[in-house]
Protein backbone atom coordinates (compact mmCIF):
# COMPACT_ATOMS: atom_id res chain seq x y z
CA MET A 1 12.95 12.26 15.77
CA LYS A 2 12.14 12.79 19.73
CA LEU A 3 9.26 12.77 21.72
CA PRO A 4 8.49 13.60 25.75
CA ARG A 5 9.38 10.47 27.06
CA GLY A 6 7.83 9.30 30.21
CA ARG A 7 8.97 6.73 32.62
CA PRO A 8 11.67 4.22 30.41
CA ILE A 9 10.40 0.63 30.13
CA ILE A 10 12.62 -0.46 27.74
CA GLU A 11 15.38 2.08 26.23
CA ASN A 12 17.82 2.93 23.06
CA THR A 13 17.91 -1.49 22.69
CA ARG A 14 18.87 -2.42 19.24
CA LEU A 15 16.36 -3.98 17.13
CA GLU A 16 18.44 -6.96 16.46
CA PHE A 17 18.57 -7.81 20.31
CA ILE A 18 14.84 -7.31 21.06
CA ASN A 19 11.86 -9.06 18.88
CA LEU A 20 8.59 -6.13 18.98
CA ALA A 21 5.90 -8.88 18.73
CA ASN A 22 7.29 -10.38 22.19
CA VAL A 23 7.23 -7.34 23.73
CA LEU A 24 3.55 -6.25 22.81
CA SER A 25 2.99 -9.88 23.98
CA ALA A 26 4.01 -9.35 27.24
CA ALA A 27 2.65 -6.10 27.40
CA LYS A 28 -0.78 -7.78 27.01
CA ARG A 29 0.03 -10.67 29.52
CA GLU A 30 2.11 -9.93 32.03
CA ARG A 31 0.19 -7.68 34.93
CA ALA A 32 3.50 -5.33 35.12
CA ASP A 33 3.78 -4.50 31.72
CA ARG A 34 0.26 -3.66 30.59
CA ILE A 35 1.17 -0.08 30.60
CA SER A 36 -0.42 2.95 28.76
CA GLY A 37 2.60 4.82 26.64
CA TYR A 38 4.15 3.98 23.69
CA ILE A 39 6.77 2.19 21.67
CA ALA A 40 9.39 4.11 19.78
CA ILE A 41 11.36 2.52 16.99
CA THR A 42 13.73 4.71 15.77
CA TYR A 43 15.70 4.42 12.57
CA HIS A 44 18.13 6.94 10.95
CA ASP A 45 15.56 9.72 9.26
CA ILE A 46 12.00 7.84 10.75
CA LEU A 47 10.22 7.40 13.98
CA GLU A 48 7.59 5.09 14.18
CA VAL A 49 5.24 4.66 17.50
CA ILE A 50 3.06 2.07 18.55
CA PHE A 51 0.73 3.57 21.33
CA LEU A 52 -0.57 1.27 24.35
CA ASN A 53 -3.72 1.51 26.15
CA GLN A 54 -2.85 -0.75 29.45
CA GLY A 55 -0.28 -2.98 27.26
CA GLU A 56 -2.82 -3.07 24.63
CA ALA A 57 -1.24 -1.61 21.08
CA PHE A 58 -4.24 0.31 19.81
CA ASN A 59 -2.25 2.57 16.80
CA ALA A 60 0.16 3.26 15.40
CA ALA A 61 2.31 6.55 13.62
CA ARG A 62 5.25 7.42 11.29
CA ILE A 63 7.38 10.51 11.77
CA THR A 64 9.66 12.07 9.49
CA GLN A 65 10.89 15.22 9.33
CA ASP A 66 8.17 16.31 6.18
CA LYS A 67 5.45 14.13 7.36
CA ARG A 68 3.21 13.11 10.23
CA GLU A 69 0.93 10.07 9.46
CA ILE A 70 -1.08 7.24 11.10
CA VAL A 71 -0.11 3.58 9.90
CA PRO A 72 -1.32 -0.21 10.26
CA ILE A 73 0.12 -1.56 13.47
CA GLY A 74 1.11 -4.57 11.30
CA GLU A 75 2.92 -2.68 9.49
CA VAL A 76 5.16 -1.23 11.87
CA VAL A 77 5.76 -4.47 13.36
CA GLU A 78 6.48 -6.07 10.46
CA LYS A 79 8.78 -3.64 9.30
CA ALA A 80 10.87 -3.57 12.63
CA ARG A 81 10.61 -7.38 12.26
CA ARG A 82 12.39 -7.11 9.00
CA ALA A 83 14.92 -4.43 10.47
CA VAL A 84 18.59 -5.09 10.46
CA MET A 85 19.36 -0.99 12.19
CA GLY A 86 16.97 1.17 14.52
CA THR A 87 16.63 1.42 18.10
CA LEU A 88 13.49 0.92 20.20
CA SER A 89 12.78 1.93 23.06
CA GLU A 90 9.26 1.47 25.30
CA TYR A 91 7.84 4.25 27.90
CA ALA A 92 4.93 4.69 30.23
CA THR A 93 3.06 7.95 30.09
CA ASP A 94 0.07 9.68 30.95
CA GLU A 95 -3.18 9.76 28.96
CA LEU A 96 -3.04 13.23 27.96
CA LEU A 97 0.39 12.68 26.27
CA LEU A 98 -0.77 9.70 24.32
CA LYS A 99 -3.96 12.33 23.31
CA LEU A 100 -1.51 15.26 22.43
CA ILE A 101 0.42 12.88 20.28
CA ILE A 102 -2.56 11.29 18.33
CA SER A 103 -4.13 14.76 18.00
CA SER A 104 -0.96 16.57 16.33
CA ILE A 105 -1.11 13.83 13.83
CA VAL A 106 -5.08 13.39 12.86
CA LEU A 107 -6.23 16.76 13.45
CA LYS A 108 -5.94 19.84 11.37
CA PRO A 109 -4.13 22.95 13.17
CA LEU A 110 -5.81 26.35 13.63
CA ARG A 111 -2.87 27.85 12.78
CA THR A 112 0.83 26.44 11.23
CA GLN A 113 3.91 27.89 11.04
CA VAL A 114 3.30 30.82 13.57
CA ASP A 115 6.10 33.29 13.18
CA LEU A 116 7.35 34.01 16.68
CA THR A 117 9.71 36.78 14.87
CA ARG A 118 7.51 39.05 14.75
CA MET A 119 6.05 38.59 18.16
CA GLN A 120 7.52 37.94 21.47
CA PRO A 121 7.01 33.88 22.61
CA ARG A 122 5.89 35.30 26.19
CA ILE A 123 3.16 38.25 24.21
CA PHE A 124 2.29 34.95 22.28
CA ILE A 125 1.61 32.62 25.10
CA GLU A 126 -0.20 35.42 26.93
CA LYS A 127 -2.92 35.93 24.23
CA LEU A 128 -3.75 32.62 24.35
CA LYS A 129 -4.20 33.07 28.22
CA ASN A 130 -6.51 36.14 28.00
CA THR A 131 -8.90 34.45 25.45
CA ARG A 132 -8.99 31.48 27.61
CA PHE A 133 -7.60 29.04 25.15
CA ASN A 134 -9.13 25.22 24.83
CA GLY A 135 -6.04 23.22 22.67
CA PHE A 136 -2.69 22.63 22.43
CA ILE A 137 0.65 23.97 20.82
CA TRP A 138 2.79 21.63 19.00
CA LEU A 139 6.46 22.81 18.98
CA ARG A 140 9.19 21.06 16.45
CA LEU A 141 12.70 22.35 16.90
CA GLY A 142 15.16 20.04 14.81
CA ARG A 143 13.96 16.62 15.63
CA GLU A 144 12.35 17.24 18.67
CA GLU A 145 8.71 17.47 19.48
CA SER A 146 6.96 19.16 22.47
CA PHE A 147 3.36 20.00 23.68
CA VAL A 148 1.81 22.37 25.96
CA TYR A 149 -1.06 21.95 26.75
CA PHE A 150 -4.10 24.64 27.67
CA GLU A 151 -7.48 24.38 29.43
CA ASN A 152 -9.87 27.72 29.84
CA GLY A 153 -6.39 29.87 29.43
CA ALA A 154 -4.18 27.78 31.70
CA ILE A 155 -1.66 25.34 30.87
CA PRO A 156 -1.70 22.53 32.98
CA ALA A 157 1.13 20.65 31.22
CA CYS A 158 3.99 21.04 29.16
CA TYR A 159 5.51 18.16 27.33
CA ILE A 160 8.95 18.74 26.39
CA ALA A 161 10.92 16.39 23.85
CA GLY A 162 13.27 13.92 25.66
CA ARG A 163 11.89 14.39 29.51
CA ALA A 164 10.35 11.82 31.56
CA ASP A 165 7.77 14.21 33.19
CA LYS A 166 5.69 17.36 32.52
CA THR A 167 7.62 20.90 33.49
CA LEU A 168 7.17 24.09 33.67
CA GLU A 169 5.77 26.68 31.67
CA GLU A 170 9.54 28.79 31.97
CA GLU A 171 10.91 25.68 30.66
CA ILE A 172 9.29 26.02 27.21
CA TYR A 173 10.26 29.73 26.27
CA PRO A 174 13.53 28.92 25.84
CA ILE A 175 12.28 26.28 22.69
CA LEU A 176 10.07 29.22 21.54
CA THR A 177 12.60 32.06 21.05
CA LYS A 178 14.76 29.91 18.91
CA THR A 179 14.01 31.29 15.13
CA GLU A 180 14.26 27.67 14.03
CA THR A 181 11.37 26.04 15.65
CA ARG A 182 8.59 25.27 14.18
CA VAL A 183 5.31 26.29 15.71
CA ALA A 184 1.55 24.96 15.64
CA VAL A 185 -1.59 25.72 17.37
CA PHE A 186 -4.72 23.15 17.59
CA ASP A 187 -8.26 24.66 19.16
CA ARG A 188 -9.03 20.81 20.47
CA VAL A 189 -7.36 17.73 21.78
CA GLU A 190 -9.38 14.53 20.75
CA LYS A 191 -11.22 13.48 24.00
CA ALA A 192 -11.23 10.18 22.73
CA ILE A 193 -8.31 8.24 21.88
CA ALA A 194 -8.66 7.11 18.54
CA GLU A 195 -8.06 3.16 17.93
CA GLN A 196 -7.24 1.61 15.14
CA ALA A 197 -8.29 -2.47 14.77
CA THR A 198 -5.11 -4.87 16.01
CA PRO A 199 -2.83 -6.97 13.75
CA ALA A 200 -4.76 -10.12 15.46
CA GLN A 201 -7.84 -9.34 14.30
CA VAL A 202 -6.63 -8.04 10.98
CA GLU A 203 -5.09 -11.60 10.53
CA MET A 204 -8.36 -13.25 11.89
CA PHE A 205 -10.21 -11.42 9.08
CA CYS A 206 -7.57 -12.63 6.24
CA LYS A 207 -7.43 -15.86 7.62
CA ILE A 208 -11.54 -16.10 7.74
CA PHE A 209 -11.54 -15.03 4.04
CA SER A 210 -9.26 -17.41 2.97
CA SER A 211 -10.91 -20.28 4.36
CA LEU A 212 -14.18 -19.19 3.11
CA LEU A 213 -12.75 -18.57 -0.70
CA LYS A 214 -10.97 -21.77 -0.70
CA GLY A 215 -14.22 -23.23 0.77
CA TYR A 216 -16.33 -22.29 -1.77
CA ALA A 217 -13.83 -22.74 -4.18
CA HIS A 218 -14.18 -26.76 -3.91
CA PRO A 219 -17.51 -26.96 -5.59
CA LEU A 220 -17.49 -23.74 -7.89
CA GLY A 221 -14.03 -23.55 -9.46
CA GLN A 222 -11.49 -21.15 -8.06
CA SER A 223 -12.28 -19.05 -11.17
CA LEU A 224 -15.78 -18.16 -10.47
CA VAL A 225 -15.50 -17.70 -6.51
CA LEU A 226 -11.64 -15.08 -7.49
CA ARG A 227 -14.06 -13.06 -10.48
CA THR A 228 -16.58 -12.79 -7.35
CA ALA A 229 -14.86 -11.92 -4.21
CA ILE A 230 -12.82 -9.30 -6.18
CA SER A 231 -16.33 -7.53 -7.48
CA SER A 232 -17.83 -8.07 -4.13
CA LYS A 233 -14.25 -5.88 -2.83
CA THR A 234 -14.68 -3.56 -5.44
CA THR A 235 -18.24 -2.58 -4.49
CA ALA A 236 -17.46 -3.31 -0.10
CA GLN A 237 -14.69 -0.72 -0.96
CA LYS A 238 -16.54 2.44 -1.93
CA GLU A 239 -18.81 2.16 1.25
CA PHE A 240 -15.48 1.46 2.71
CA PRO A 241 -12.30 2.30 1.64
CA PHE A 242 -10.19 0.94 3.62
CA ILE A 243 -10.40 -2.69 2.19
CA GLU A 244 -8.83 -1.38 -0.88
CA LYS A 245 -5.39 -2.19 0.91
CA PHE A 246 -6.60 -5.65 1.17
CA GLU A 247 -5.41 -7.71 -1.66
CA ILE A 248 -7.01 -11.71 -3.20
CA GLU A 249 -3.83 -13.70 -4.72
CA SER A 250 -5.00 -15.97 -7.71
CA ASP A 251 -5.02 -18.93 -5.02
CA LEU A 252 -7.30 -16.96 -3.43
CA SER A 253 -5.54 -15.80 -0.15
CA PHE A 254 -6.28 -12.77 1.12
CA HIS A 255 -4.24 -10.58 3.02
CA GLY A 256 -3.50 -6.22 4.03
CA GLU A 257 -2.52 -4.20 6.90
CA VAL A 258 -5.30 -2.15 7.20
CA VAL A 259 -5.92 1.23 9.11
CA ALA A 260 -9.42 1.67 10.72
CA GLU A 261 -11.96 2.09 13.60
CA PRO A 262 -12.51 -1.23 15.19
CA LYS A 263 -15.99 -0.74 14.93
CA SER A 264 -15.73 0.34 11.45
CA PHE A 265 -13.45 -2.33 10.29
CA ALA A 266 -16.60 -4.96 11.82
CA ARG A 267 -18.79 -3.11 9.77
CA GLY A 268 -17.10 -3.14 6.34
CA MET A 269 -15.66 -7.08 7.05
CA ALA A 270 -19.47 -7.89 7.58
CA ARG A 271 -20.62 -6.44 4.26
CA MET A 272 -18.11 -7.54 1.82
CA PHE A 273 -18.99 -11.38 3.93
CA ASP A 274 -22.45 -10.72 3.01
CA LEU A 275 -21.62 -9.94 -0.30
CA ILE A 276 -19.70 -12.78 -1.11
CA TYR A 277 -22.04 -15.13 0.71
CA GLU A 278 -24.83 -13.65 -1.29
CA SER A 279 -23.34 -14.22 -4.86
CA LEU A 280 -22.36 -17.43 -4.81
CA SER A 281 -25.68 -18.49 -3.14
CA THR A 282 -27.23 -17.97 -6.56
CA PHE A 283 -25.18 -20.75 -7.59
CA LEU A 284 -25.21 -23.04 -4.41
CA GLY A 285 -28.40 -22.22 -2.74
CA LYS A 286 -28.40 -23.43 0.62
CA GLU A 287 -24.67 -25.20 0.94
CA SER A 288 -23.60 -21.62 0.48
CA GLU A 289 -24.60 -20.71 3.98
CA VAL A 290 -23.21 -24.35 5.61
CA ILE A 291 -20.02 -23.52 3.98
CA ALA A 292 -19.79 -19.85 5.74
CA ARG A 293 -21.87 -21.00 8.60
CA LYS A 294 -18.80 -23.32 9.57
CA ILE A 295 -16.12 -20.83 8.99
CA LEU A 296 -17.70 -18.21 11.23
CA THR A 297 -18.21 -20.98 13.79
CA ASP A 298 -14.50 -21.94 13.77
CA TYR A 299 -13.50 -17.56 15.48
CA ARG A 300 -17.66 -16.97 16.20
CA TYR A 301 -16.22 -15.49 20.30
CA ALA A 302 -13.33 -13.61 18.81
CA LEU A 303 -16.29 -12.04 16.09
CA LYS A 304 -19.06 -11.34 18.88
CA SER A 305 -16.20 -9.34 20.62
CA LEU A 306 -15.90 -7.24 17.79
CA GLN A 307 -19.85 -6.83 17.74
CA PHE A 308 -18.98 -9.05 14.18
CA PHE A 309 -22.55 -10.52 13.97
CA ASP A 310 -24.25 -6.93 14.76
CA TYR A 311 -23.59 -6.12 11.23
CA THR A 312 -23.92 -9.45 9.35
CA LYS A 313 -26.87 -10.61 8.00
CA LEU A 314 -25.53 -14.66 8.21
CA LYS A 315 -26.41 -15.16 12.41
CA ILE A 316 -24.19 -17.69 14.61
């Protein structure tokens, strides 16, 4: 799979020679590396993408010939860490291209499989212009994806697969005229760039819940705490389905990789935390709050940045 490129920062570097976690760390730490754009990890028949906003990873996707989906950032990082084959590239792009790529994955198209064998491509484009169309068209030719953006019928931006800069409208017609080109029409672009909770935030809550459950196991025993935690998780995931992706092991360790918008993520974690803390208060009384407060205090600054205490009943 190939996307429009942007300005190369790192290009076609074999995964065995590079550490993705270090690339992401540098992107946040070094001013020169705080780009907006994406990191593309290319495997044999899969492209995995981590999207960056001023150096901060905010979303990720997996693109194959048959499927395009949003996936957990941490899952992409872990797969790259374990991979023995594949290449990594990093590109600086404008925000619009990021919105187009993400919108083409998360939104339902107005029309799919547009058949241009029955209509000349120039007539197709002119019809969109004449209706003052707002949105974009997605093109796939073989393994290459391109995007044409419309604003009130005008075409201010075309992004061609493998090209670093915006291109002119005329350059899309050689793609549109090929019979094997797939075309989909989207009638809007996501205004705000969709974000997901970062791997660091997910890992923090895994540590919080692991410590919380083990803290309760000391006075109550592992078996009771495990049953309570599983019951609380089952209840919480009815309201916040992403919680189902987490697992609680028999040793009370808590782990998982999830895709969730940061606010929803914080609310879901707060809901599950409250359910566990309140359920075990039945047995421990005030001591349940003491244990819970101790765990939260260790992470209070990071939790405040997520507005966690706006959603939990236990305030620090």
